[in-house]
């Protein structure tokens, strides 16, 4: 690829929702039920408003006064060397003690990795949402990180149905504000959220009160540039309530961005009995010829909600035979344009690299499509149960990109892990999939790991300008172009 004159960067995966768009009991299931009523979004807001310099001017003055006293005492004690060195010694011991204490409190047997992750997510939400207070101001901060005219895909979030209470600002109000931000910023490309429960709840209503109708209208008008899915919030991506919207999207070449990684944003309610088995995928029990549904026995929301997010669900959605059998009528969505965000996640990339003995995790290569289809890989493996439980999501997504014309993946969030860069570069030099990988960061969620500026510049420097602009310019133009708007 030769770099053209147009070097516009497209960041295909960002968020600018605020803490007021997040359900109050966001921490539910991570902590005991009685604590989830205490450790709430309201508590986070109270903490930032009362005990941070940006949130409370009086607190800032108090911290400044303490520093003045500290340095005043040190200045006086300099006249007496014994007291001066004693104070430095006491200060060193206290810092050393608190460092050991805080390190001890991070151990897994006291606080799980999931709880630590959600704590970081809480703090990130608080820092950005309360410091900048609106979607417009959060977007403004992001815009300053990049060159002028950078195009930014902003993904709205509908968390009203995740069973964690209600957010202070309703989802539809979030959309109204987002449309205003878009009107004032032509480089902003917002995606509208699609949740089957909202579709079902409003399907008997008329006009714009019918959410499926409203979604189509907003896309046709150009108020939104694509669709956002987040199955971890409690549904499968092949939910029957979504089919009509998918058909509209496929007909008009509308891009869909879907969450495909483990994470801390997921359904907080109880597991339903029907979720103990996969609705579509089957396997033959040992010693029998009768296929039965794959069992999904996990307990604990963090574990079983990944069943909704699993990359094999998109094979169920895009394979004509599997989907038609599930729906009970003929339906072909194999041309649906969909990006599996986060490329499965860094955990799944590490799983792929560590597995050196299974065929279904040996499939990434620079072989031609013709030669590749001759080998045993992930999607053509006989046992779907084996693939479900053992295959790396990276290998599954790789196969999906090869099998289906319009399946993409982005590198959002995982790009904080520079250990993955060599594998990413290897994949980007694979002509089978190199035109289907998108640049995205997952701003501002990913700032708990690294700053937006370092994420952008580190990846760009490692890949070089040609590969970087392939995923940040050439590929996004194709992905984002619709029947209503072209990016040539």
Protein backbone atom coordinates (compact mmCIF):
# COMPACT_ATOMS: atom_id res chain seq x y z
CA UNK A 1 0.00 0.00 0.00
CA UNK A 2 1.25 3.46 -0.91
CA UNK A 3 0.24 6.26 1.39
CA UNK A 4 -2.14 8.65 -0.31
CA UNK A 5 -2.40 12.38 0.21
CA UNK A 6 -5.28 11.97 2.66
CA UNK A 7 -3.87 10.90 6.02
CA UNK A 8 -7.06 11.31 8.03
CA UNK A 9 -7.01 9.09 11.12
CA UNK A 10 -10.15 7.17 12.01
CA UNK A 11 -10.44 6.01 15.63
CA UNK A 12 -13.18 3.41 15.28
CA UNK A 13 -13.86 2.71 18.95
CA UNK A 14 -14.34 5.34 21.67
CA UNK A 15 -16.81 6.26 24.42
CA UNK A 16 -17.80 9.63 25.86
CA UNK A 17 -20.75 8.62 28.08
CA UNK A 18 -20.63 10.04 31.61
CA UNK A 19 -21.08 8.58 35.06
CA UNK A 20 -24.71 9.73 34.97
CA UNK A 21 -25.36 7.23 32.16
CA UNK A 22 -24.18 4.30 34.33
CA UNK A 23 -26.62 2.37 36.59
CA UNK A 24 -26.25 3.25 40.25
CA UNK A 25 -25.45 -0.32 41.44
CA UNK A 26 -22.79 -0.93 38.82
CA UNK A 27 -20.75 -2.88 41.39
CA UNK A 28 -23.49 -5.48 42.01
CA UNK A 29 -22.27 -9.15 41.94
CA UNK A 30 -18.67 -8.06 42.60
CA UNK A 31 -19.35 -7.38 46.25
CA UNK A 32 -21.85 -8.79 48.81
CA UNK A 33 -25.41 -7.65 48.16
CA UNK A 34 -25.55 -5.32 51.19
CA UNK A 35 -22.32 -3.61 50.07
CA UNK A 36 -23.62 -3.12 46.53
CA UNK A 37 -26.20 -0.77 48.06
CA UNK A 38 -23.36 1.25 49.57
CA UNK A 39 -20.60 1.07 46.94
CA UNK A 40 -22.63 2.85 44.28
CA UNK A 41 -22.16 5.38 41.52
CA UNK A 42 -23.56 7.99 43.89
CA UNK A 43 -20.77 7.16 46.36
CA UNK A 44 -18.15 7.58 43.61
CA UNK A 45 -19.60 10.97 42.70
CA UNK A 46 -19.67 12.01 46.37
CA UNK A 47 -16.03 10.96 46.80
CA UNK A 48 -14.83 12.90 43.76
CA UNK A 49 -16.90 15.94 44.65
CA UNK A 50 -15.67 16.03 48.26
CA UNK A 51 -12.16 14.55 48.28
CA UNK A 52 -10.49 15.47 45.01
CA UNK A 53 -8.85 18.73 44.05
CA UNK A 54 -10.84 19.06 40.83
CA UNK A 55 -14.15 18.28 42.48
CA UNK A 56 -13.86 20.42 45.61
CA UNK A 57 -12.00 23.73 45.81
CA UNK A 58 -12.05 23.66 49.64
CA UNK A 59 -10.38 20.24 49.61
CA UNK A 60 -7.74 21.62 47.25
CA UNK A 61 -7.07 24.49 49.70
CA UNK A 62 -6.90 21.99 52.60
CA UNK A 63 -4.30 19.87 50.77
CA UNK A 64 -2.31 22.99 49.98
CA UNK A 65 -2.39 24.04 53.66
CA UNK A 66 -1.10 20.61 54.74
CA UNK A 67 1.79 20.89 52.32
CA UNK A 68 2.64 24.36 53.65
CA UNK A 69 2.71 22.98 57.21
CA UNK A 70 4.83 19.99 56.14
CA UNK A 71 7.47 22.06 54.37
CA UNK A 72 7.37 24.68 57.13
CA UNK A 73 8.20 22.03 59.77
CA UNK A 74 11.02 20.65 57.58
CA UNK A 75 12.40 24.15 57.07
CA UNK A 76 12.46 24.81 60.83
CA UNK A 77 14.01 21.43 61.60
CA UNK A 78 16.88 22.08 59.22
CA UNK A 79 18.39 24.21 62.02
CA UNK A 80 18.59 21.03 64.09
CA UNK A 81 20.15 18.23 62.10
CA UNK A 82 18.97 15.55 64.53
CA UNK A 83 15.30 16.52 64.19
CA UNK A 84 15.66 17.01 60.43
CA UNK A 85 17.05 13.52 59.85
CA UNK A 86 14.56 12.07 62.33
CA UNK A 87 11.64 13.53 60.36
CA UNK A 88 13.07 12.18 57.09
CA UNK A 89 13.50 8.75 58.69
CA UNK A 90 9.94 8.71 60.05
CA UNK A 91 8.61 9.86 56.66
CA UNK A 92 10.55 7.09 54.89
CA UNK A 93 9.29 4.42 57.30
CA UNK A 94 5.67 5.55 56.93
CA UNK A 95 5.89 5.55 53.12
CA UNK A 96 7.55 2.13 53.20
CA UNK A 97 4.85 0.78 55.55
CA UNK A 98 1.95 2.09 53.47
CA UNK A 99 3.52 0.77 50.27
CA UNK A 100 3.73 -2.71 51.78
CA UNK A 101 0.20 -2.41 53.13
CA UNK A 102 -1.32 -1.34 49.80
CA UNK A 103 0.61 -4.09 47.98
CA UNK A 104 -0.67 -6.64 50.49
CA UNK A 105 -4.26 -5.49 49.98
CA UNK A 106 -3.98 -6.22 46.26
CA UNK A 107 -3.46 -9.97 46.68
CA UNK A 108 -6.03 -12.22 45.05
CA UNK A 109 -7.22 -14.01 48.18
CA UNK A 110 -8.44 -10.72 49.63
CA UNK A 111 -9.75 -8.96 46.52
CA UNK A 112 -10.40 -10.75 43.25
CA UNK A 113 -9.05 -9.57 39.92
CA UNK A 114 -12.62 -8.80 38.85
CA UNK A 115 -13.17 -6.56 41.88
CA UNK A 116 -9.89 -4.73 41.28
CA UNK A 117 -10.83 -4.25 37.62
CA UNK A 118 -14.23 -2.82 38.44
CA UNK A 119 -12.66 -0.53 41.07
CA UNK A 120 -10.39 0.88 38.37
CA UNK A 121 -13.41 1.26 36.09
CA UNK A 122 -15.25 3.14 38.88
CA UNK A 123 -12.30 5.49 39.36
CA UNK A 124 -11.95 6.09 35.61
CA UNK A 125 -15.64 6.89 35.35
CA UNK A 126 -15.37 9.27 38.26
CA UNK A 127 -12.26 11.03 37.01
CA UNK A 128 -13.54 11.67 33.50
CA UNK A 129 -17.23 12.09 34.15
CA UNK A 130 -16.94 14.48 37.06
CA UNK A 131 -13.95 16.44 35.82
CA UNK A 132 -15.52 17.01 32.43
CA UNK A 133 -19.20 16.51 33.33
CA UNK A 134 -20.64 16.20 29.81
CA UNK A 135 -20.17 14.17 26.65
CA UNK A 136 -19.10 17.32 24.82
CA UNK A 137 -16.24 18.04 27.23
CA UNK A 138 -15.04 14.42 27.28
CA UNK A 139 -15.02 14.46 23.47
CA UNK A 140 -13.14 17.75 23.49
CA UNK A 141 -10.37 16.18 25.57
CA UNK A 142 -10.12 13.27 23.14
CA UNK A 143 -10.06 15.58 20.12
CA UNK A 144 -7.01 17.42 21.47
CA UNK A 145 -5.01 14.18 21.48
CA UNK A 146 -5.04 13.81 17.70
CA UNK A 147 -4.29 15.81 14.57
CA UNK A 148 -7.02 18.09 13.21
CA UNK A 149 -9.85 16.43 11.27
CA UNK A 150 -9.40 13.05 12.95
CA UNK A 151 -12.64 11.09 12.62
CA UNK A 152 -13.89 9.51 15.84
CA UNK A 153 -16.49 6.75 16.20
CA UNK A 154 -18.33 7.30 19.49
CA UNK A 155 -20.28 4.31 20.80
CA UNK A 156 -23.35 5.07 22.90
CA UNK A 157 -24.16 2.73 25.82
CA UNK A 158 -27.63 1.56 26.89
CA UNK A 159 -27.24 0.05 30.37
CA UNK A 160 -30.89 0.37 31.37
CA UNK A 161 -31.46 -3.42 31.19
CA UNK A 162 -28.36 -4.76 32.93
CA UNK A 163 -30.19 -5.20 36.27
CA UNK A 164 -27.97 -2.81 38.22
CA UNK A 165 -30.54 -0.12 38.92
CA UNK A 166 -31.28 2.86 36.73
CA UNK A 167 -28.82 5.53 35.59
CA UNK A 168 -29.44 9.15 36.56
CA UNK A 169 -29.76 10.12 32.89
CA UNK A 170 -31.90 7.87 30.68
CA UNK A 171 -30.45 6.31 27.56
CA UNK A 172 -32.67 8.25 25.13
CA UNK A 173 -31.54 11.49 26.77
CA UNK A 174 -27.95 10.35 26.30
CA UNK A 175 -28.70 10.02 22.56
CA UNK A 176 -30.24 13.50 22.40
CA UNK A 177 -27.11 15.01 23.94
CA UNK A 178 -24.88 12.96 21.65
CA UNK A 179 -26.71 14.28 18.59
CA UNK A 180 -26.03 17.84 19.74
CA UNK A 181 -22.33 17.04 20.17
CA UNK A 182 -22.29 15.61 16.63
CA UNK A 183 -24.01 18.70 15.25
CA UNK A 184 -21.24 20.85 16.72
CA UNK A 185 -18.42 18.48 15.71
CA UNK A 186 -18.53 17.19 12.15
CA UNK A 187 -15.70 14.70 12.79
CA UNK A 188 -17.74 12.81 15.39
CA UNK A 189 -19.38 9.60 14.09
CA UNK A 190 -21.81 8.27 16.74
CA UNK A 191 -23.24 4.73 16.78
CA UNK A 192 -26.73 4.03 18.12
CA UNK A 193 -27.18 1.20 20.63
CA UNK A 194 -29.34 -1.85 19.86
CA UNK A 195 -30.76 -3.96 22.69
CA UNK A 196 -33.45 -6.61 21.97
CA UNK A 197 -35.24 -5.89 25.25
CA UNK A 198 -35.81 -2.26 24.29
CA UNK A 199 -36.99 -3.40 20.86
CA UNK A 200 -39.39 -5.91 22.43
CA UNK A 201 -40.63 -3.42 25.03
CA UNK A 202 -41.61 -0.88 22.36
CA UNK A 203 -42.56 -3.02 19.35
CA UNK A 204 -46.32 -2.43 19.76
CA UNK A 205 -45.87 1.33 19.92
CA UNK A 206 -46.21 3.59 16.90
CA UNK A 207 -43.86 6.08 15.28
CA UNK A 208 -40.60 7.01 16.99
CA UNK A 209 -41.77 5.40 20.24
CA UNK A 210 -41.13 2.11 18.48
CA UNK A 211 -37.38 1.74 19.01
CA UNK A 212 -36.70 -0.39 15.91
CA UNK A 213 -38.46 2.23 13.77
CA UNK A 214 -36.65 5.04 15.58
CA UNK A 215 -33.26 3.36 15.01
CA UNK A 216 -33.85 3.03 11.27
CA UNK A 217 -35.01 6.63 11.02
CA UNK A 218 -31.96 7.98 12.89
CA UNK A 219 -29.60 6.02 10.64
CA UNK A 220 -31.35 7.16 7.46
CA UNK A 221 -31.21 10.80 8.58
CA UNK A 222 -27.49 10.52 9.27
CA UNK A 223 -27.85 11.35 12.96
CA UNK A 224 -25.96 8.11 13.65
CA UNK A 225 -23.35 6.34 11.53
CA UNK A 226 -23.70 2.76 12.73
CA UNK A 227 -25.05 0.34 15.33
CA UNK A 228 -23.54 -0.69 18.66
CA UNK A 229 -24.14 -4.11 20.28
CA UNK A 230 -23.11 -5.23 23.77
CA UNK A 231 -24.34 -8.83 24.28
CA UNK A 232 -22.63 -9.13 27.69
CA UNK A 233 -25.49 -7.00 29.04
CA UNK A 234 -27.75 -10.05 28.83
CA UNK A 235 -28.59 -11.31 25.33
CA UNK A 236 -27.23 -13.32 22.41
CA UNK A 237 -26.29 -11.41 19.24
CA UNK A 238 -28.68 -13.66 17.27
CA UNK A 239 -31.68 -12.70 19.42
CA UNK A 240 -34.87 -12.89 17.33
CA UNK A 241 -35.84 -9.32 18.21
CA UNK A 242 -32.71 -8.06 16.41
CA UNK A 243 -33.24 -9.76 13.04
CA UNK A 244 -35.34 -7.01 11.45
CA UNK A 245 -32.74 -4.37 12.35
CA UNK A 246 -29.98 -6.62 11.01
CA UNK A 247 -31.78 -7.03 7.68
CA UNK A 248 -32.07 -3.25 7.42
CA UNK A 249 -28.37 -2.88 8.27
CA UNK A 250 -27.33 -5.51 5.73
CA UNK A 251 -29.46 -3.98 2.98
CA UNK A 252 -27.95 -0.53 3.57
CA UNK A 253 -24.38 -1.67 4.33
CA UNK A 254 -24.53 -0.15 7.82
CA UNK A 255 -21.58 -1.01 10.11
CA UNK A 256 -22.19 -2.79 13.43
CA UNK A 257 -19.70 -2.67 16.29
CA UNK A 258 -20.11 -5.48 18.83
CA UNK A 259 -18.34 -6.16 22.13
CA UNK A 260 -16.22 -9.34 21.99
CA UNK A 261 -14.05 -9.57 25.10
CA UNK A 262 -14.38 -10.40 28.79
CA UNK A 263 -14.98 -7.28 30.82
CA UNK A 264 -16.55 -5.59 33.84
CA UNK A 265 -19.69 -4.32 32.08
CA UNK A 266 -22.17 -7.20 32.00
CA UNK A 267 -25.60 -8.37 33.13
CA UNK A 268 -25.98 -8.19 36.92
CA UNK A 269 -29.25 -10.13 37.28
CA UNK A 270 -29.84 -13.82 38.00
CA UNK A 271 -29.06 -16.52 35.47
CA UNK A 272 -32.20 -17.81 33.75
CA UNK A 273 -32.71 -21.62 33.42
CA UNK A 274 -32.70 -21.45 29.60
CA UNK A 275 -29.21 -19.93 29.71
CA UNK A 276 -27.75 -23.22 30.99
CA UNK A 277 -27.61 -24.51 27.40
CA UNK A 278 -26.62 -22.89 24.13
CA UNK A 279 -29.67 -22.07 21.97
CA UNK A 280 -28.03 -23.11 18.68
CA UNK A 281 -24.76 -25.03 19.03
CA UNK A 282 -25.00 -28.78 19.65
CA UNK A 283 -22.68 -31.76 20.17
CA UNK A 284 -23.00 -35.53 20.21
CA UNK A 285 -22.77 -37.01 23.67
CA UNK A 286 -20.21 -39.77 24.00
CA UNK A 287 -21.62 -43.11 22.84
CA UNK A 288 -24.70 -41.58 21.16
CA UNK A 289 -25.64 -40.21 17.75
CA UNK A 290 -28.23 -37.78 19.09
CA UNK A 291 -26.98 -34.17 19.17
CA UNK A 292 -27.84 -32.13 22.24
CA UNK A 293 -27.26 -28.47 23.14
CA UNK A 294 -23.86 -27.51 24.53
CA UNK A 295 -24.19 -27.19 28.34
CA UNK A 296 -23.22 -23.85 29.88
CA UNK A 297 -23.09 -24.60 33.63
CA UNK A 298 -21.04 -21.62 34.88
CA UNK A 299 -22.18 -19.80 37.99
CA UNK A 300 -21.28 -16.24 38.91
CA UNK A 301 -22.17 -13.47 36.48
CA UNK A 302 -18.61 -12.69 35.46
CA UNK A 303 -18.19 -16.29 34.29
CA UNK A 304 -21.48 -17.08 32.55
CA UNK A 305 -22.13 -13.73 30.88
CA UNK A 306 -19.15 -14.47 28.62
CA UNK A 307 -21.48 -17.00 26.96
CA UNK A 308 -23.30 -14.05 25.39
CA UNK A 309 -20.03 -12.50 24.24
CA UNK A 310 -18.40 -15.67 22.87
CA UNK A 311 -17.08 -15.25 19.33
CA UNK A 312 -18.75 -18.48 18.15
CA UNK A 313 -22.12 -16.74 18.50
CA UNK A 314 -21.28 -14.73 15.39
CA UNK A 315 -20.86 -17.91 13.38
CA UNK A 316 -24.38 -18.78 14.57
CA UNK A 317 -25.58 -15.37 13.37
CA UNK A 318 -23.84 -15.36 9.99
CA UNK A 319 -24.16 -19.01 8.96
CA UNK A 320 -27.33 -19.30 6.88
CA UNK A 321 -28.18 -22.86 7.93
CA UNK A 322 -27.59 -22.40 11.66
CA UNK A 323 -29.55 -19.13 11.82
CA UNK A 324 -32.46 -20.35 9.67
CA UNK A 325 -32.88 -23.50 11.75
CA UNK A 326 -32.93 -21.40 14.92
CA UNK A 327 -35.44 -18.87 13.59
CA UNK A 328 -37.69 -21.44 11.89
CA UNK A 329 -37.59 -19.62 8.56
CA UNK A 330 -35.02 -18.84 5.85
CA UNK A 331 -32.78 -15.93 6.80
CA UNK A 332 -29.37 -15.09 5.33
CA UNK A 333 -27.26 -12.53 7.20
CA UNK A 334 -23.92 -13.74 5.87
CA UNK A 335 -23.18 -10.32 4.32
CA UNK A 336 -23.84 -8.38 7.54
CA UNK A 337 -21.04 -5.87 8.13
CA UNK A 338 -19.91 -6.38 11.71
CA UNK A 339 -16.75 -5.65 13.69
CA UNK A 340 -15.86 -7.90 16.62
CA UNK A 341 -14.42 -5.28 18.93
CA UNK A 342 -11.26 -5.90 20.95
CA UNK A 343 -10.34 -8.89 18.73
CA UNK A 344 -11.31 -11.28 21.54
CA UNK A 345 -9.09 -9.68 24.18
CA UNK A 346 -5.45 -9.98 25.24
CA UNK A 347 -6.24 -13.01 27.43
CA UNK A 348 -7.40 -14.90 24.32
CA UNK A 349 -4.33 -13.78 22.36
CA UNK A 350 -2.11 -15.15 25.12
CA UNK A 351 -4.14 -18.37 25.09
CA UNK A 352 -3.54 -18.73 21.35
CA UNK A 353 0.21 -18.18 21.67
CA UNK A 354 0.50 -20.64 24.59
CA UNK A 355 -1.36 -23.49 22.83
CA UNK A 356 1.11 -25.30 20.58
CA UNK A 357 -0.60 -28.66 20.20
CA UNK A 358 -4.24 -28.16 19.08
CA UNK A 359 -5.02 -27.75 15.38
CA UNK A 360 -7.74 -25.20 16.01
CA UNK A 361 -5.20 -22.90 17.66
CA UNK A 362 -2.57 -23.30 14.91
CA UNK A 363 -4.53 -21.67 12.12
CA UNK A 364 -3.01 -18.16 11.79
CA UNK A 365 -0.69 -18.19 8.78
CA UNK A 366 0.13 -16.35 5.57
CA UNK A 367 -1.19 -19.23 3.45
CA UNK A 368 -3.47 -18.37 0.54
CA UNK A 369 -7.21 -18.74 1.08
CA UNK A 370 -7.24 -21.80 -1.19
CA UNK A 371 -4.47 -23.54 0.78
CA UNK A 372 -5.85 -22.38 4.11
CA UNK A 373 -9.28 -23.93 3.54
CA UNK A 374 -7.67 -27.34 3.01
CA UNK A 375 -6.33 -27.52 6.57
CA UNK A 376 -8.22 -28.33 9.75
CA UNK A 377 -9.01 -25.03 11.44
CA UNK A 378 -11.40 -23.61 14.01
CA UNK A 379 -14.75 -23.28 12.24
CA UNK A 380 -14.54 -26.60 10.40
CA UNK A 381 -13.60 -28.55 13.52
CA UNK A 382 -16.03 -31.43 14.07
CA UNK A 383 -16.75 -30.81 17.77
CA UNK A 384 -18.35 -27.42 18.41
CA UNK A 385 -18.28 -28.15 22.14
CA UNK A 386 -14.48 -28.50 22.00
CA UNK A 387 -14.21 -25.22 20.12
CA UNK A 388 -16.55 -23.44 22.52
CA UNK A 389 -14.59 -24.40 25.61
CA UNK A 390 -11.02 -24.68 24.34
CA UNK A 391 -10.35 -22.60 21.22
CA UNK A 392 -8.90 -19.11 21.54
CA UNK A 393 -11.36 -16.40 20.50
CA UNK A 394 -8.53 -14.96 18.41
CA UNK A 395 -8.45 -18.09 16.23
CA UNK A 396 -12.25 -18.10 15.92
CA UNK A 397 -12.39 -14.42 14.89
CA UNK A 398 -9.57 -14.99 12.42
CA UNK A 399 -11.61 -17.76 10.77
CA UNK A 400 -14.77 -15.63 10.79
CA UNK A 401 -12.92 -12.86 8.92
CA UNK A 402 -11.82 -15.35 6.27
CA UNK A 403 -15.18 -17.12 5.90
CA UNK A 404 -17.46 -14.05 5.86
CA UNK A 405 -16.90 -11.08 3.55
CA UNK A 406 -17.87 -8.32 5.98
CA UNK A 407 -16.48 -9.46 9.35
CA UNK A 408 -13.94 -7.07 10.86
CA UNK A 409 -12.04 -6.80 14.15
CA UNK A 410 -10.56 -3.80 15.95
CA UNK A 411 -7.60 -3.53 18.32
CA UNK A 412 -9.34 -1.38 20.94
CA UNK A 413 -8.30 -1.83 24.56
CA UNK A 414 -5.86 -4.69 23.77
CA UNK A 415 -3.42 -2.21 22.20
CA UNK A 416 -2.32 -1.19 25.73
CA UNK A 417 -0.47 -4.55 25.85
CA UNK A 418 2.66 -4.01 23.77
CA UNK A 419 3.56 -7.70 24.09
CA UNK A 420 0.84 -8.35 21.51
CA UNK A 421 2.34 -6.00 18.90
CA UNK A 422 4.50 -8.66 17.13
CA UNK A 423 1.49 -10.96 16.64
CA UNK A 424 -0.63 -8.02 15.45
CA UNK A 425 2.03 -7.07 12.90
CA UNK A 426 2.20 -10.67 11.69
CA UNK A 427 -1.59 -10.72 11.21
CA UNK A 428 -1.53 -7.33 9.45
CA UNK A 429 0.87 -8.80 6.89
CA UNK A 430 -1.60 -11.61 6.16
CA UNK A 431 -3.44 -10.62 3.00
CA UNK A 432 -6.45 -12.79 3.92
CA UNK A 433 -7.44 -10.49 6.79
CA UNK A 434 -5.24 -7.37 6.66
CA UNK A 435 -8.01 -5.31 5.04
CA UNK A 436 -10.44 -6.12 7.88
CA UNK A 437 -8.59 -4.82 10.94
CA UNK A 438 -9.46 -1.41 12.39
CA UNK A 439 -7.71 1.08 14.64
CA UNK A 440 -9.60 1.94 17.83
CA UNK A 441 -8.56 2.62 21.41
CA UNK A 442 -11.62 2.24 23.68
CA UNK A 443 -11.17 5.76 25.02
CA UNK A 444 -11.74 6.69 27.80
CA UNK A 445 -12.13 3.26 29.43
CA UNK A 446 -8.61 2.22 28.41
CA UNK A 447 -7.02 5.18 30.23
CA UNK A 448 -6.96 3.00 33.36
CA UNK A 449 -4.06 1.29 31.52
CA UNK A 450 -2.36 4.02 29.45
CA UNK A 451 -3.03 7.49 28.12
CA UNK A 452 -4.69 7.94 24.74
CA UNK A 453 -1.63 9.71 23.38
CA UNK A 454 0.76 6.90 24.32
CA UNK A 455 -1.60 4.25 22.90
CA UNK A 456 -1.79 6.05 19.57
CA UNK A 457 1.88 6.96 19.20
CA UNK A 458 3.33 3.66 20.49
CA UNK A 459 1.25 1.56 18.10
CA UNK A 460 1.92 3.92 15.19
CA UNK A 461 5.68 3.89 15.81
CA UNK A 462 5.78 0.09 16.06
CA UNK A 463 3.70 -0.63 12.95
CA UNK A 464 5.15 2.11 10.78
CA UNK A 465 3.13 4.62 8.77
CA UNK A 466 2.05 2.23 6.00
CA UNK A 467 0.49 -0.42 8.26
CA UNK A 468 -0.87 2.15 10.69
CA UNK A 469 -2.74 4.06 8.00
CA UNK A 470 -4.06 0.81 6.61
CA UNK A 471 -5.94 0.16 9.87
CA UNK A 472 -6.53 3.83 10.72
CA UNK A 473 -7.55 5.13 7.29
CA UNK A 474 -7.98 2.64 4.44
CA UNK A 475 -9.88 -0.10 6.29
CA UNK A 476 -12.14 2.25 8.33
CA UNK A 477 -13.28 4.03 5.15
CA UNK A 478 -14.58 0.74 3.79
CA UNK A 479 -16.12 -0.29 7.12
CA UNK A 480 -17.89 3.03 7.75
CA UNK A 481 -19.27 3.59 4.24
CA UNK A 482 -23.02 2.97 3.91
CA UNK A 483 -25.78 3.46 1.37
CA UNK A 484 -26.31 6.87 2.96
CA UNK A 485 -22.69 8.04 3.36
CA UNK A 486 -19.48 7.13 1.51
CA UNK A 487 -15.90 7.57 2.73
CA UNK A 488 -13.82 7.44 -0.46
